[in-house]
C-alpha cells in the first residue's frame, strides 16, 4: 500500500473546513491523515497487505521528522517516508519517491497488486506502468478530488463512501 500522505492531508484539511476530525481519524495539518478504518480488515483474504508506506513531508528539524515517523508507525504504517519541507512549498521528493518505490516492488515481483491511496491524476502513468509489469493496480480514494482519469486507469477502486471494491 502506497499512500500519498501529504496530498491526502491537504485535501482532508480542505474537506474539514472548520470541523474537527472524527474520533477514528489521526490528522496533522498538511502532513498526514489516517484512520484505523483504512486498514480495511474486511478485505483480508482478497488482498494480502504486506506493508503500508506513507509519503509525506513536514517543516522542522530531524526531531520533528522522527516524531511524524513515530506517529505514523503508531497508526500501523510500517514504512513511513517523511521528508523535510521548505517554507515555500511542499516537498518534491514525496511523489517521486512513492513512484520509484512502487515501481521497484512491481518490477522485482515483490507483490501481485499495488494499492495507491491518492486521488491525484499525476499517478495515472504509475498505474499504467504497474499494470505493464503484470501487477494489478488498486486505488483507494479517501478524500475529495478523485481524478476520473486515475479512477478509470486502475483495475479496481475503493472510495470513502463504499466498503467494497468496484
N, C-alpha and C. Protein backbone atom coordinates (compact mmCIF):
# COMPACT_ATOMS: atom_id res chain seq x y z
N UNK A 1 0.86 -1.17 0.00
CA UNK A 1 0.00 0.00 0.00
C UNK A 1 0.91 1.23 0.00
N UNK A 2 0.69 2.12 -0.95
CA UNK A 2 1.49 3.34 -1.12
C UNK A 2 0.57 4.54 -0.96
N UNK A 3 0.81 5.32 0.09
CA UNK A 3 -0.07 6.42 0.47
C UNK A 3 0.60 7.76 0.18
N UNK A 4 -0.05 8.59 -0.62
CA UNK A 4 0.41 9.97 -0.82
C UNK A 4 -0.14 10.79 0.35
N UNK A 5 0.53 10.66 1.49
CA UNK A 5 0.06 11.24 2.74
C UNK A 5 -0.05 12.75 2.72
N UNK A 6 0.90 13.37 2.08
CA UNK A 6 0.90 14.84 2.01
C UNK A 6 -0.31 15.35 1.24
N UNK A 7 -0.57 14.76 0.09
CA UNK A 7 -1.70 15.18 -0.73
C UNK A 7 -3.02 14.92 -0.02
N UNK A 8 -3.13 13.74 0.60
CA UNK A 8 -4.37 13.41 1.31
C UNK A 8 -4.62 14.36 2.47
N UNK A 9 -3.56 14.71 3.20
CA UNK A 9 -3.71 15.63 4.34
C UNK A 9 -4.20 17.00 3.88
N UNK A 10 -3.68 17.47 2.77
CA UNK A 10 -4.10 18.78 2.27
C UNK A 10 -5.56 18.74 1.79
N UNK A 11 -5.95 17.66 1.12
CA UNK A 11 -7.34 17.52 0.66
C UNK A 11 -8.28 17.36 1.85
N UNK A 12 -7.85 16.61 2.85
CA UNK A 12 -8.67 16.39 4.03
C UNK A 12 -8.90 17.70 4.78
N UNK A 13 -7.86 18.51 4.89
CA UNK A 13 -7.99 19.80 5.57
C UNK A 13 -9.03 20.66 4.87
N UNK A 14 -9.01 20.67 3.56
CA UNK A 14 -9.99 21.46 2.80
C UNK A 14 -11.40 20.92 3.01
N UNK A 15 -11.54 19.62 3.11
CA UNK A 15 -12.83 18.99 3.34
C UNK A 15 -13.37 19.30 4.74
N UNK A 16 -12.47 19.35 5.71
CA UNK A 16 -12.87 19.58 7.10
C UNK A 16 -13.49 20.95 7.30
N UNK A 17 -12.94 21.93 6.59
CA UNK A 17 -13.33 23.32 6.78
C UNK A 17 -13.07 23.70 8.24
N UNK A 18 -14.08 23.96 9.02
CA UNK A 18 -13.87 24.33 10.42
C UNK A 18 -14.25 23.20 11.38
N UNK A 19 -14.61 22.05 10.84
CA UNK A 19 -14.98 20.91 11.66
C UNK A 19 -13.74 20.21 12.22
N UNK A 20 -13.95 19.39 13.22
CA UNK A 20 -12.86 18.60 13.78
C UNK A 20 -12.90 17.20 13.18
N UNK A 21 -11.74 16.54 13.10
CA UNK A 21 -11.74 15.16 12.61
C UNK A 21 -12.56 14.26 13.53
N UNK A 22 -13.16 13.24 12.96
CA UNK A 22 -13.90 12.27 13.77
C UNK A 22 -12.91 11.44 14.58
N UNK A 23 -13.42 10.72 15.58
CA UNK A 23 -12.56 10.08 16.57
C UNK A 23 -11.58 9.05 16.00
N UNK A 24 -11.92 8.36 14.93
CA UNK A 24 -11.03 7.34 14.40
C UNK A 24 -9.97 7.90 13.44
N UNK A 25 -9.95 9.21 13.24
CA UNK A 25 -9.02 9.84 12.31
C UNK A 25 -7.89 10.53 13.07
N UNK A 26 -6.66 10.23 12.66
CA UNK A 26 -5.48 10.95 13.16
C UNK A 26 -5.05 11.90 12.06
N UNK A 27 -4.83 13.15 12.43
CA UNK A 27 -4.60 14.19 11.43
C UNK A 27 -3.61 15.21 11.95
N UNK A 28 -2.62 15.52 11.11
CA UNK A 28 -1.73 16.65 11.37
C UNK A 28 -1.77 17.52 10.11
N UNK A 29 -2.17 18.75 10.27
CA UNK A 29 -2.39 19.67 9.15
C UNK A 29 -1.23 19.64 8.16
N UNK A 30 -1.55 19.41 6.90
CA UNK A 30 -0.62 19.40 5.77
C UNK A 30 0.48 18.34 5.88
N UNK A 31 0.35 17.40 6.82
CA UNK A 31 1.38 16.37 6.96
C UNK A 31 0.81 14.98 6.71
N UNK A 32 -0.19 14.57 7.49
CA UNK A 32 -0.78 13.26 7.27
C UNK A 32 -2.21 13.21 7.79
N UNK A 33 -2.93 12.23 7.28
CA UNK A 33 -4.26 11.86 7.79
C UNK A 33 -4.36 10.35 7.62
N UNK A 34 -4.87 9.68 8.65
CA UNK A 34 -5.04 8.23 8.57
C UNK A 34 -6.14 7.82 9.53
N UNK A 35 -6.82 6.77 9.20
CA UNK A 35 -7.87 6.22 10.03
C UNK A 35 -7.64 4.73 10.20
N UNK A 36 -7.97 4.23 11.37
CA UNK A 36 -7.87 2.79 11.58
C UNK A 36 -8.80 2.05 10.62
N UNK A 37 -9.84 2.69 10.15
CA UNK A 37 -10.75 2.06 9.19
C UNK A 37 -10.06 1.78 7.86
N UNK A 38 -8.98 2.50 7.57
CA UNK A 38 -8.28 2.31 6.30
C UNK A 38 -7.40 1.07 6.30
N UNK A 39 -7.28 0.41 7.44
CA UNK A 39 -6.56 -0.86 7.47
C UNK A 39 -7.40 -1.96 6.84
N UNK A 40 -8.70 -1.67 6.62
CA UNK A 40 -9.65 -2.49 5.86
C UNK A 40 -9.56 -3.98 6.17
N UNK A 41 -9.85 -4.38 7.40
CA UNK A 41 -9.78 -5.80 7.75
C UNK A 41 -10.74 -6.67 6.95
N UNK A 42 -11.84 -6.09 6.45
CA UNK A 42 -12.81 -6.87 5.68
C UNK A 42 -12.28 -7.28 4.31
N UNK A 43 -11.14 -6.71 3.88
CA UNK A 43 -10.54 -7.11 2.60
C UNK A 43 -9.52 -8.22 2.76
N UNK A 44 -9.21 -8.61 3.99
CA UNK A 44 -8.25 -9.69 4.20
C UNK A 44 -8.78 -10.94 3.49
N UNK A 45 -7.90 -11.62 2.82
CA UNK A 45 -8.31 -12.77 2.02
C UNK A 45 -8.43 -12.40 0.56
N UNK A 46 -8.88 -11.18 0.29
CA UNK A 46 -8.94 -10.70 -1.10
C UNK A 46 -7.64 -9.98 -1.45
N UNK A 47 -7.11 -9.24 -0.48
CA UNK A 47 -5.86 -8.52 -0.67
C UNK A 47 -5.00 -8.79 0.55
N UNK A 48 -3.80 -9.34 0.33
CA UNK A 48 -2.87 -9.51 1.43
C UNK A 48 -2.00 -8.26 1.50
N UNK A 49 -2.12 -7.52 2.56
CA UNK A 49 -1.34 -6.30 2.71
C UNK A 49 -0.02 -6.66 3.35
N UNK A 50 1.05 -6.51 2.58
CA UNK A 50 2.38 -6.83 3.08
C UNK A 50 2.97 -5.69 3.90
N UNK A 51 2.77 -4.47 3.42
CA UNK A 51 3.36 -3.31 4.09
C UNK A 51 2.65 -2.06 3.60
N UNK A 52 2.50 -1.09 4.52
CA UNK A 52 1.94 0.21 4.15
C UNK A 52 3.05 1.25 4.22
N UNK A 53 3.22 1.96 3.12
CA UNK A 53 4.17 3.06 3.03
C UNK A 53 3.36 4.36 3.04
N UNK A 54 3.86 5.36 3.72
CA UNK A 54 3.21 6.67 3.69
C UNK A 54 4.27 7.72 3.39
N UNK A 55 4.04 8.50 2.36
CA UNK A 55 4.99 9.51 1.89
C UNK A 55 4.46 10.89 2.23
N UNK A 56 5.26 11.65 2.97
CA UNK A 56 4.83 12.99 3.33
C UNK A 56 6.05 13.83 3.65
N UNK A 57 5.80 15.08 4.00
CA UNK A 57 6.88 15.98 4.41
C UNK A 57 6.36 16.88 5.52
N UNK A 58 7.30 17.47 6.23
CA UNK A 58 6.93 18.40 7.29
C UNK A 58 8.03 19.43 7.46
N UNK A 59 7.65 20.55 8.05
CA UNK A 59 8.63 21.58 8.41
C UNK A 59 9.21 21.22 9.76
N UNK A 60 10.46 21.58 9.97
CA UNK A 60 11.08 21.34 11.27
C UNK A 60 12.40 20.60 11.13
N UNK A 61 12.96 20.29 12.27
CA UNK A 61 14.27 19.64 12.31
C UNK A 61 14.12 18.11 12.28
N UNK A 62 15.25 17.43 12.48
CA UNK A 62 15.25 15.97 12.46
C UNK A 62 14.35 15.38 13.55
N UNK A 63 14.24 16.06 14.69
CA UNK A 63 13.35 15.58 15.76
C UNK A 63 11.90 15.59 15.31
N UNK A 64 11.49 16.63 14.59
CA UNK A 64 10.12 16.71 14.09
C UNK A 64 9.86 15.59 13.08
N UNK A 65 10.82 15.36 12.20
CA UNK A 65 10.68 14.29 11.21
C UNK A 65 10.56 12.94 11.93
N UNK A 66 11.37 12.73 12.96
CA UNK A 66 11.30 11.49 13.74
C UNK A 66 9.96 11.36 14.46
N UNK A 67 9.43 12.48 14.97
CA UNK A 67 8.12 12.45 15.65
C UNK A 67 6.99 12.07 14.69
N UNK A 68 7.02 12.63 13.48
CA UNK A 68 6.00 12.30 12.49
C UNK A 68 6.12 10.83 12.08
N UNK A 69 7.35 10.37 11.88
CA UNK A 69 7.56 8.96 11.54
C UNK A 69 7.03 8.05 12.63
N UNK A 70 7.29 8.39 13.89
CA UNK A 70 6.80 7.58 15.02
C UNK A 70 5.28 7.59 15.08
N UNK A 71 4.66 8.74 14.84
CA UNK A 71 3.20 8.84 14.85
C UNK A 71 2.60 7.94 13.77
N UNK A 72 3.20 7.93 12.59
CA UNK A 72 2.71 7.08 11.51
C UNK A 72 2.88 5.60 11.85
N UNK A 73 3.98 5.26 12.47
CA UNK A 73 4.20 3.87 12.91
C UNK A 73 3.12 3.44 13.90
N UNK A 74 2.74 4.36 14.79
CA UNK A 74 1.68 4.07 15.76
C UNK A 74 0.34 3.79 15.09
N UNK A 75 0.17 4.30 13.89
CA UNK A 75 -1.06 4.10 13.12
C UNK A 75 -0.98 2.85 12.23
N UNK A 76 0.03 2.03 12.44
CA UNK A 76 0.26 0.80 11.68
C UNK A 76 0.73 1.06 10.25
N UNK A 77 1.39 2.18 10.04
CA UNK A 77 2.09 2.44 8.77
C UNK A 77 3.50 1.89 8.99
N UNK A 78 3.80 0.75 8.40
CA UNK A 78 5.07 0.09 8.68
C UNK A 78 6.27 0.86 8.13
N UNK A 79 6.09 1.58 7.04
CA UNK A 79 7.22 2.22 6.37
C UNK A 79 6.94 3.70 6.09
N UNK A 80 7.03 4.54 7.12
CA UNK A 80 6.83 5.97 6.85
C UNK A 80 8.04 6.55 6.12
N UNK A 81 7.75 7.42 5.17
CA UNK A 81 8.79 8.14 4.42
C UNK A 81 8.50 9.62 4.61
N UNK A 82 9.23 10.25 5.53
CA UNK A 82 8.97 11.64 5.89
C UNK A 82 10.17 12.49 5.46
N UNK A 83 9.89 13.50 4.65
CA UNK A 83 10.94 14.37 4.12
C UNK A 83 10.81 15.78 4.70
N UNK A 84 11.92 16.48 4.70
CA UNK A 84 11.93 17.85 5.19
C UNK A 84 11.31 18.75 4.13
N UNK A 85 10.42 19.64 4.57
CA UNK A 85 9.74 20.58 3.69
C UNK A 85 10.30 21.97 3.92
N UNK A 86 10.51 22.69 2.83
CA UNK A 86 10.94 24.09 2.96
C UNK A 86 9.74 24.96 3.29
N UNK A 87 9.97 26.18 3.64
CA UNK A 87 8.88 27.10 3.97
C UNK A 87 8.03 27.46 2.75
N UNK A 88 8.64 27.43 1.57
CA UNK A 88 7.95 27.90 0.37
C UNK A 88 6.92 26.92 -0.19
N UNK A 89 7.20 25.64 -0.13
CA UNK A 89 6.31 24.70 -0.81
C UNK A 89 6.39 23.32 -0.17
N UNK A 90 5.59 22.40 -0.73
CA UNK A 90 5.67 21.03 -0.26
C UNK A 90 6.88 20.35 -0.88
N UNK A 91 7.26 19.23 -0.32
CA UNK A 91 8.44 18.50 -0.76
C UNK A 91 8.25 17.95 -2.17
N UNK A 92 9.26 18.01 -2.97
CA UNK A 92 9.22 17.42 -4.31
C UNK A 92 9.54 15.92 -4.25
N UNK A 93 10.09 15.46 -3.14
CA UNK A 93 10.51 14.07 -3.03
C UNK A 93 9.34 13.12 -2.78
N UNK A 94 8.22 13.60 -2.31
CA UNK A 94 7.11 12.73 -1.93
C UNK A 94 6.62 11.92 -3.13
N UNK A 95 6.15 12.59 -4.17
CA UNK A 95 5.56 11.91 -5.33
C UNK A 95 6.59 11.04 -6.06
N UNK A 96 7.80 11.55 -6.21
CA UNK A 96 8.82 10.81 -6.95
C UNK A 96 9.24 9.56 -6.18
N UNK A 97 9.43 9.67 -4.87
CA UNK A 97 9.83 8.51 -4.08
C UNK A 97 8.74 7.46 -4.07
N UNK A 98 7.48 7.88 -3.91
CA UNK A 98 6.37 6.93 -3.97
C UNK A 98 6.39 6.19 -5.30
N UNK A 99 6.53 6.91 -6.38
CA UNK A 99 6.54 6.31 -7.71
C UNK A 99 7.69 5.33 -7.88
N UNK A 100 8.89 5.74 -7.51
CA UNK A 100 10.07 4.89 -7.66
C UNK A 100 9.92 3.61 -6.85
N UNK A 101 9.50 3.73 -5.59
CA UNK A 101 9.40 2.54 -4.74
C UNK A 101 8.28 1.61 -5.21
N UNK A 102 7.15 2.15 -5.65
CA UNK A 102 6.08 1.30 -6.18
C UNK A 102 6.56 0.54 -7.42
N UNK A 103 7.29 1.21 -8.29
CA UNK A 103 7.81 0.55 -9.49
C UNK A 103 8.89 -0.47 -9.14
N UNK A 104 9.74 -0.17 -8.18
CA UNK A 104 10.77 -1.14 -7.76
C UNK A 104 10.12 -2.43 -7.28
N UNK A 105 9.09 -2.32 -6.44
CA UNK A 105 8.42 -3.51 -5.94
C UNK A 105 7.69 -4.25 -7.05
N UNK A 106 7.10 -3.52 -7.98
CA UNK A 106 6.40 -4.15 -9.10
C UNK A 106 7.36 -4.91 -9.99
N UNK A 107 8.44 -4.27 -10.39
CA UNK A 107 9.40 -4.91 -11.29
C UNK A 107 10.14 -6.06 -10.62
N UNK A 108 10.36 -5.96 -9.32
CA UNK A 108 11.06 -7.03 -8.59
C UNK A 108 10.14 -8.23 -8.32
N UNK A 109 8.84 -8.07 -8.56
CA UNK A 109 7.91 -9.16 -8.32
C UNK A 109 7.63 -9.38 -6.85
N UNK A 110 7.79 -8.34 -6.04
CA UNK A 110 7.56 -8.45 -4.60
C UNK A 110 6.08 -8.50 -4.23
N UNK A 111 5.21 -8.27 -5.20
CA UNK A 111 3.78 -8.19 -4.91
C UNK A 111 2.99 -8.61 -6.14
N UNK A 112 1.72 -8.95 -5.91
CA UNK A 112 0.80 -9.24 -7.02
C UNK A 112 -0.02 -8.02 -7.39
N UNK A 113 -0.23 -7.15 -6.40
CA UNK A 113 -1.05 -5.96 -6.59
C UNK A 113 -0.39 -4.80 -5.86
N UNK A 114 -0.64 -3.61 -6.38
CA UNK A 114 -0.18 -2.39 -5.73
C UNK A 114 -1.42 -1.56 -5.43
N UNK A 115 -1.52 -1.10 -4.19
CA UNK A 115 -2.64 -0.26 -3.78
C UNK A 115 -2.11 1.16 -3.62
N UNK A 116 -2.69 2.09 -4.35
CA UNK A 116 -2.36 3.50 -4.22
C UNK A 116 -3.47 4.19 -3.45
N UNK A 117 -3.10 4.97 -2.46
CA UNK A 117 -4.08 5.76 -1.70
C UNK A 117 -3.82 7.21 -2.08
N UNK A 118 -4.60 7.68 -3.03
CA UNK A 118 -4.43 9.03 -3.58
C UNK A 118 -5.63 9.33 -4.46
N UNK A 119 -5.70 10.53 -4.93
CA UNK A 119 -6.72 10.90 -5.91
C UNK A 119 -6.10 11.69 -7.05
N UNK A 120 -4.80 11.83 -7.02
CA UNK A 120 -4.04 12.72 -7.88
C UNK A 120 -3.82 12.11 -9.28
N UNK A 121 -4.28 12.82 -10.28
CA UNK A 121 -4.17 12.35 -11.66
C UNK A 121 -2.72 12.14 -12.10
N UNK A 122 -1.77 12.77 -11.44
CA UNK A 122 -0.37 12.60 -11.79
C UNK A 122 0.09 11.15 -11.70
N UNK A 123 -0.67 10.32 -10.99
CA UNK A 123 -0.28 8.92 -10.82
C UNK A 123 -0.80 7.99 -11.90
N UNK A 124 -1.51 8.49 -12.91
CA UNK A 124 -2.00 7.64 -13.99
C UNK A 124 -0.85 6.89 -14.66
N UNK A 125 0.27 7.54 -15.03
CA UNK A 125 1.38 6.78 -15.64
C UNK A 125 1.95 5.70 -14.71
N UNK A 126 1.92 5.93 -13.41
CA UNK A 126 2.39 4.91 -12.47
C UNK A 126 1.46 3.70 -12.52
N UNK A 127 0.16 3.92 -12.49
CA UNK A 127 -0.79 2.80 -12.55
C UNK A 127 -0.57 2.01 -13.84
N UNK A 128 -0.40 2.70 -14.94
CA UNK A 128 -0.19 2.03 -16.22
C UNK A 128 1.12 1.23 -16.23
N UNK A 129 2.18 1.78 -15.63
CA UNK A 129 3.46 1.07 -15.56
C UNK A 129 3.36 -0.16 -14.67
N UNK A 130 2.64 -0.04 -13.56
CA UNK A 130 2.42 -1.19 -12.67
C UNK A 130 1.69 -2.30 -13.43
N UNK A 131 0.68 -1.93 -14.19
CA UNK A 131 -0.07 -2.91 -14.96
C UNK A 131 0.80 -3.57 -16.02
N UNK A 132 1.74 -2.83 -16.58
CA UNK A 132 2.64 -3.40 -17.59
C UNK A 132 3.56 -4.46 -17.00
N UNK A 133 3.75 -4.45 -15.68
CA UNK A 133 4.58 -5.47 -15.04
C UNK A 133 3.77 -6.72 -14.73
N UNK A 134 2.48 -6.70 -15.05
CA UNK A 134 1.61 -7.83 -14.78
C UNK A 134 0.94 -7.78 -13.42
N UNK A 135 1.12 -6.67 -12.71
CA UNK A 135 0.50 -6.50 -11.40
C UNK A 135 -0.83 -5.76 -11.56
N UNK A 136 -1.69 -5.94 -10.58
CA UNK A 136 -2.96 -5.21 -10.58
C UNK A 136 -2.78 -3.89 -9.83
N UNK A 137 -3.45 -2.87 -10.30
CA UNK A 137 -3.40 -1.55 -9.66
C UNK A 137 -4.72 -1.23 -8.99
N UNK A 138 -4.71 -1.20 -7.66
CA UNK A 138 -5.88 -0.83 -6.88
C UNK A 138 -5.75 0.63 -6.49
N UNK A 139 -6.86 1.29 -6.37
CA UNK A 139 -6.88 2.69 -5.96
C UNK A 139 -7.84 2.85 -4.80
N UNK A 140 -7.36 3.46 -3.72
CA UNK A 140 -8.22 3.84 -2.60
C UNK A 140 -8.28 5.35 -2.60
N UNK A 141 -9.45 5.91 -2.69
CA UNK A 141 -9.62 7.36 -2.63
C UNK A 141 -10.40 7.67 -1.37
N UNK A 142 -9.78 8.38 -0.45
CA UNK A 142 -10.41 8.61 0.85
C UNK A 142 -10.75 10.07 1.10
N UNK A 143 -10.47 10.93 0.15
CA UNK A 143 -10.82 12.33 0.29
C UNK A 143 -11.45 12.80 -1.02
N UNK A 144 -11.93 14.02 -1.02
CA UNK A 144 -12.48 14.58 -2.24
C UNK A 144 -11.37 14.79 -3.26
N UNK A 145 -11.75 15.00 -4.49
CA UNK A 145 -10.76 15.33 -5.51
C UNK A 145 -10.24 14.14 -6.28
N UNK A 146 -10.97 13.04 -6.30
CA UNK A 146 -10.54 11.88 -7.06
C UNK A 146 -10.58 12.18 -8.56
N UNK A 147 -9.46 12.00 -9.21
CA UNK A 147 -9.37 12.18 -10.66
C UNK A 147 -10.10 11.04 -11.35
N UNK A 148 -11.00 11.38 -12.26
CA UNK A 148 -11.72 10.37 -13.03
C UNK A 148 -10.76 9.57 -13.90
N UNK A 149 -9.74 10.23 -14.44
CA UNK A 149 -8.75 9.51 -15.28
C UNK A 149 -7.98 8.50 -14.44
N UNK A 150 -7.63 8.88 -13.21
CA UNK A 150 -6.93 7.94 -12.34
C UNK A 150 -7.85 6.77 -12.01
N UNK A 151 -9.09 7.05 -11.68
CA UNK A 151 -10.04 6.00 -11.34
C UNK A 151 -10.21 5.03 -12.51
N UNK A 152 -10.32 5.55 -13.71
CA UNK A 152 -10.51 4.70 -14.89
C UNK A 152 -9.26 3.89 -15.22
N UNK A 153 -8.08 4.38 -14.85
CA UNK A 153 -6.86 3.65 -15.15
C UNK A 153 -6.63 2.47 -14.20
N UNK A 154 -7.17 2.54 -13.00
CA UNK A 154 -6.97 1.49 -12.00
C UNK A 154 -7.80 0.26 -12.34
N UNK A 155 -7.30 -0.90 -11.95
CA UNK A 155 -8.07 -2.14 -12.14
C UNK A 155 -9.30 -2.15 -11.25
N UNK A 156 -9.15 -1.65 -10.02
CA UNK A 156 -10.25 -1.59 -9.06
C UNK A 156 -10.06 -0.34 -8.21
N UNK A 157 -11.15 0.15 -7.66
CA UNK A 157 -11.00 1.27 -6.73
C UNK A 157 -11.98 1.11 -5.57
N UNK A 158 -11.59 1.69 -4.47
CA UNK A 158 -12.41 1.73 -3.27
C UNK A 158 -12.44 3.18 -2.84
N UNK A 159 -13.64 3.74 -2.73
CA UNK A 159 -13.71 5.13 -2.33
C UNK A 159 -14.19 5.24 -0.88
N UNK A 160 -14.22 6.45 -0.37
CA UNK A 160 -14.55 6.67 1.03
C UNK A 160 -16.01 6.39 1.35
N UNK A 161 -16.84 6.27 0.34
CA UNK A 161 -18.27 6.04 0.55
C UNK A 161 -18.65 4.57 0.50
N UNK A 162 -17.77 3.74 -0.04
CA UNK A 162 -18.13 2.33 -0.18
C UNK A 162 -17.21 1.44 0.66
N UNK A 163 -17.64 0.23 0.84
CA UNK A 163 -16.82 -0.74 1.58
C UNK A 163 -16.53 -1.95 0.70
N UNK A 164 -16.79 -1.81 -0.59
CA UNK A 164 -16.47 -2.92 -1.48
C UNK A 164 -15.69 -2.39 -2.68
N UNK A 165 -14.94 -3.26 -3.29
CA UNK A 165 -14.16 -2.89 -4.46
C UNK A 165 -15.07 -2.77 -5.67
N UNK A 166 -14.78 -1.77 -6.51
CA UNK A 166 -15.53 -1.59 -7.75
C UNK A 166 -14.66 -2.03 -8.92
